[in-house]
Amino acid sequence: MVCSLFAEKPESIEKINITQESKVLIYTNLFWAPCNEAKTLLQSRGIDYTTKLVTFSKKSVNEMAKRTGGKTSIPQIFVDDKYFGGLLELKEYYKKKS
């Protein structure tokens, strides 16, 4: 179990602005529709991102869980090294930007 005292807290989506200059990291899995949807949504907005595959890496899963306060669902998204959330938060963010 990850101690939430040391876990990153998600930033309010109102406090994060995803731009083409943003450094976006997505913890992702192979062939997982929600991960592909998040990547497609970012691509459609012209946002570059890097991925960290957790499919075969217990180390990456543990790192992700530590950074997200124990969340192991994917995708998990970080913007400019701040914890943003997952696909639902990304969809909500772009819905509010429309």
C-alpha atoms as a PDB file:
ATOM      1  CA  MET A   1       0.000   0.000   0.000  1.00  0.00           C
ATOM      2  CA  VAL A   2       1.240   3.455  -0.879  1.00  0.00           C
ATOM      3  CA  CYS A   3       1.259   6.066   1.839  1.00  0.00           C
ATOM      4  CA  SER A   4      -0.833   8.942   0.541  1.00  0.00           C
ATOM      5  CA  LEU A   5       1.283  11.335   2.574  1.00  0.00           C
ATOM      6  CA  PHE A   6       4.026  10.948  -0.016  1.00  0.00           C
ATOM      7  CA  ALA A   7       1.840  10.551  -3.083  1.00  0.00           C
ATOM      8  CA  GLU A   8       1.296  13.383  -5.487  1.00  0.00           C
ATOM      9  CA  LYS A   9      -2.110  14.997  -5.240  1.00  0.00           C
ATOM     10  CA  PRO A  10      -4.005  15.515  -8.480  1.00  0.00           C
ATOM     11  CA  GLU A  11      -4.064  19.121  -9.550  1.00  0.00           C
ATOM     12  CA  SER A  12      -7.438  20.646 -10.214  1.00  0.00           C
ATOM     13  CA  ILE A  13      -7.973  20.543 -13.956  1.00  0.00           C
ATOM     14  CA  GLU A  14      -8.716  24.252 -13.747  1.00  0.00           C
ATOM     15  CA  LYS A  15      -5.136  24.805 -12.547  1.00  0.00           C
ATOM     16  CA  ILE A  16      -3.507  22.902 -15.400  1.00  0.00           C
ATOM     17  CA  ASN A  17      -3.313  24.189 -18.945  1.00  0.00           C
ATOM     18  CA  ILE A  18      -2.322  21.608 -21.518  1.00  0.00           C
ATOM     19  CA  THR A  19      -0.562  23.328 -24.394  1.00  0.00           C
ATOM     20  CA  GLN A  20       1.694  22.231 -27.220  1.00  0.00           C
ATOM     21  CA  GLU A  21       4.613  23.194 -24.984  1.00  0.00           C
ATOM     22  CA  SER A  22       3.433  20.994 -22.088  1.00  0.00           C
ATOM     23  CA  LYS A  23       5.425  17.963 -21.068  1.00  0.00           C
ATOM     24  CA  VAL A  24       2.815  15.188 -20.966  1.00  0.00           C
ATOM     25  CA  LEU A  25       3.546  11.693 -19.648  1.00  0.00           C
ATOM     26  CA  ILE A  26       1.032   8.869 -19.894  1.00  0.00           C
ATOM     27  CA  TYR A  27       1.401   5.614 -17.996  1.00  0.00           C
ATOM     28  CA  THR A  28      -0.116   3.195 -20.471  1.00  0.00           C
ATOM     29  CA  ASN A  29      -0.685  -0.433 -21.373  1.00  0.00           C
ATOM     30  CA  LEU A  30      -0.556  -2.299 -24.663  1.00  0.00           C
ATOM     31  CA  PHE A  31      -3.819  -2.717 -26.536  1.00  0.00           C
ATOM     32  CA  TRP A  32      -5.933  -0.998 -23.863  1.00  0.00           C
ATOM     33  CA  ALA A  33      -8.756   1.088 -25.354  1.00  0.00           C
ATOM     34  CA  PRO A  34      -8.796   3.824 -22.653  1.00  0.00           C
ATOM     35  CA  CYS A  35      -5.063   4.408 -23.145  1.00  0.00           C
ATOM     36  CA  ASN A  36      -5.493   4.601 -26.897  1.00  0.00           C
ATOM     37  CA  GLU A  37      -8.420   6.992 -26.466  1.00  0.00           C
ATOM     38  CA  ALA A  38      -6.355   9.313 -24.248  1.00  0.00           C
ATOM     39  CA  LYS A  39      -3.490   9.316 -26.755  1.00  0.00           C
ATOM     40  CA  THR A  40      -5.860   9.943 -29.673  1.00  0.00           C
ATOM     41  CA  LEU A  41      -7.525  12.822 -27.823  1.00  0.00           C
ATOM     42  CA  LEU A  42      -4.161  14.458 -27.131  1.00  0.00           C
ATOM     43  CA  GLN A  43      -2.995  13.897 -30.723  1.00  0.00           C
ATOM     44  CA  SER A  44      -6.196  15.456 -32.068  1.00  0.00           C
ATOM     45  CA  ARG A  45      -5.323  18.602 -30.091  1.00  0.00           C
ATOM     46  CA  GLY A  46      -1.734  18.641 -31.365  1.00  0.00           C
ATOM     47  CA  ILE A  47      -0.288  17.669 -27.984  1.00  0.00           C
ATOM     48  CA  ASP A  48       2.904  15.618 -27.952  1.00  0.00           C
ATOM     49  CA  TYR A  49       3.333  13.139 -25.138  1.00  0.00           C
ATOM     50  CA  THR A  50       5.629  10.411 -23.947  1.00  0.00           C
ATOM     51  CA  THR A  51       4.452   7.075 -22.660  1.00  0.00           C
ATOM     52  CA  LYS A  52       5.680   4.797 -19.945  1.00  0.00           C
ATOM     53  CA  LEU A  53       4.548   1.259 -20.603  1.00  0.00           C
ATOM     54  CA  VAL A  54       3.448  -0.629 -17.500  1.00  0.00           C
ATOM     55  CA  THR A  55       2.436  -3.841 -19.279  1.00  0.00           C
ATOM     56  CA  PHE A  56       5.541  -5.852 -18.446  1.00  0.00           C
ATOM     57  CA  SER A  57       7.207  -3.665 -15.843  1.00  0.00           C
ATOM     58  CA  LYS A  58       6.446  -4.121 -12.172  1.00  0.00           C
ATOM     59  CA  LYS A  59       8.887  -1.261 -11.521  1.00  0.00           C
ATOM     60  CA  SER A  60       6.803   1.119 -13.683  1.00  0.00           C
ATOM     61  CA  VAL A  61       3.554  -0.042 -12.030  1.00  0.00           C
ATOM     62  CA  ASN A  62       5.038   0.596  -8.587  1.00  0.00           C
ATOM     63  CA  GLU A  63       6.352   4.005  -9.678  1.00  0.00           C
ATOM     64  CA  MET A  64       2.955   4.951 -11.080  1.00  0.00           C
ATOM     65  CA  ALA A  65       1.157   3.786  -7.930  1.00  0.00           C
ATOM     66  CA  LYS A  66       3.524   5.796  -5.764  1.00  0.00           C
ATOM     67  CA  ARG A  67       3.069   8.948  -7.850  1.00  0.00           C
ATOM     68  CA  THR A  68      -0.745   8.626  -8.010  1.00  0.00           C
ATOM     69  CA  GLY A  69      -1.464   7.754  -4.404  1.00  0.00           C
ATOM     70  CA  GLY A  70      -2.031   4.079  -5.119  1.00  0.00           C
ATOM     71  CA  LYS A  71      -3.977   4.256  -8.364  1.00  0.00           C
ATOM     72  CA  THR A  72      -3.101   1.442 -10.706  1.00  0.00           C
ATOM     73  CA  SER A  73      -5.799   1.939 -13.331  1.00  0.00           C
ATOM     74  CA  ILE A  74      -4.539   3.201 -16.627  1.00  0.00           C
ATOM     75  CA  PRO A  75      -4.048   5.568 -18.246  1.00  0.00           C
ATOM     76  CA  GLN A  76      -2.614   7.886 -15.613  1.00  0.00           C
ATOM     77  CA  ILE A  77      -1.530  11.278 -16.928  1.00  0.00           C
ATOM     78  CA  PHE A  78       1.010  13.814 -15.722  1.00  0.00           C
ATOM     79  CA  VAL A  79       1.320  17.317 -17.171  1.00  0.00           C
ATOM     80  CA  ASP A  80       4.522  19.248 -16.530  1.00  0.00           C
ATOM     81  CA  ASP A  81       5.359  16.734 -13.761  1.00  0.00           C
ATOM     82  CA  LYS A  82       2.025  17.377 -12.001  1.00  0.00           C
ATOM     83  CA  TYR A  83      -0.465  14.569 -11.528  1.00  0.00           C
ATOM     84  CA  PHE A  84      -3.472  15.278 -13.750  1.00  0.00           C
ATOM     85  CA  GLY A  85      -5.588  12.103 -13.525  1.00  0.00           C
ATOM     86  CA  GLY A  86      -6.850   9.593 -16.043  1.00  0.00           C
ATOM     87  CA  LEU A  87      -8.993   9.463 -19.165  1.00  0.00           C
ATOM     88  CA  LEU A  88     -12.118  10.787 -17.432  1.00  0.00           C
ATOM     89  CA  GLU A  89     -10.274  13.882 -16.217  1.00  0.00           C
ATOM     90  CA  LEU A  90      -8.801  14.416 -19.685  1.00  0.00           C
ATOM     91  CA  LYS A  91     -12.240  14.224 -21.294  1.00  0.00           C
ATOM     92  CA  GLU A  92     -13.665  16.602 -18.685  1.00  0.00           C
ATOM     93  CA  TYR A  93     -10.772  19.014 -19.242  1.00  0.00           C
ATOM     94  CA  TYR A  94     -11.394  19.208 -22.989  1.00  0.00           C
ATOM     95  CA  LYS A  95     -15.158  19.366 -22.526  1.00  0.00           C
ATOM     96  CA  LYS A  96     -14.710  22.461 -20.354  1.00  0.00           C
ATOM     97  CA  LYS A  97     -12.306  23.962 -22.919  1.00  0.00           C
ATOM     98  CA  SER A  98     -14.883  23.629 -25.714  1.00  0.00           C
END
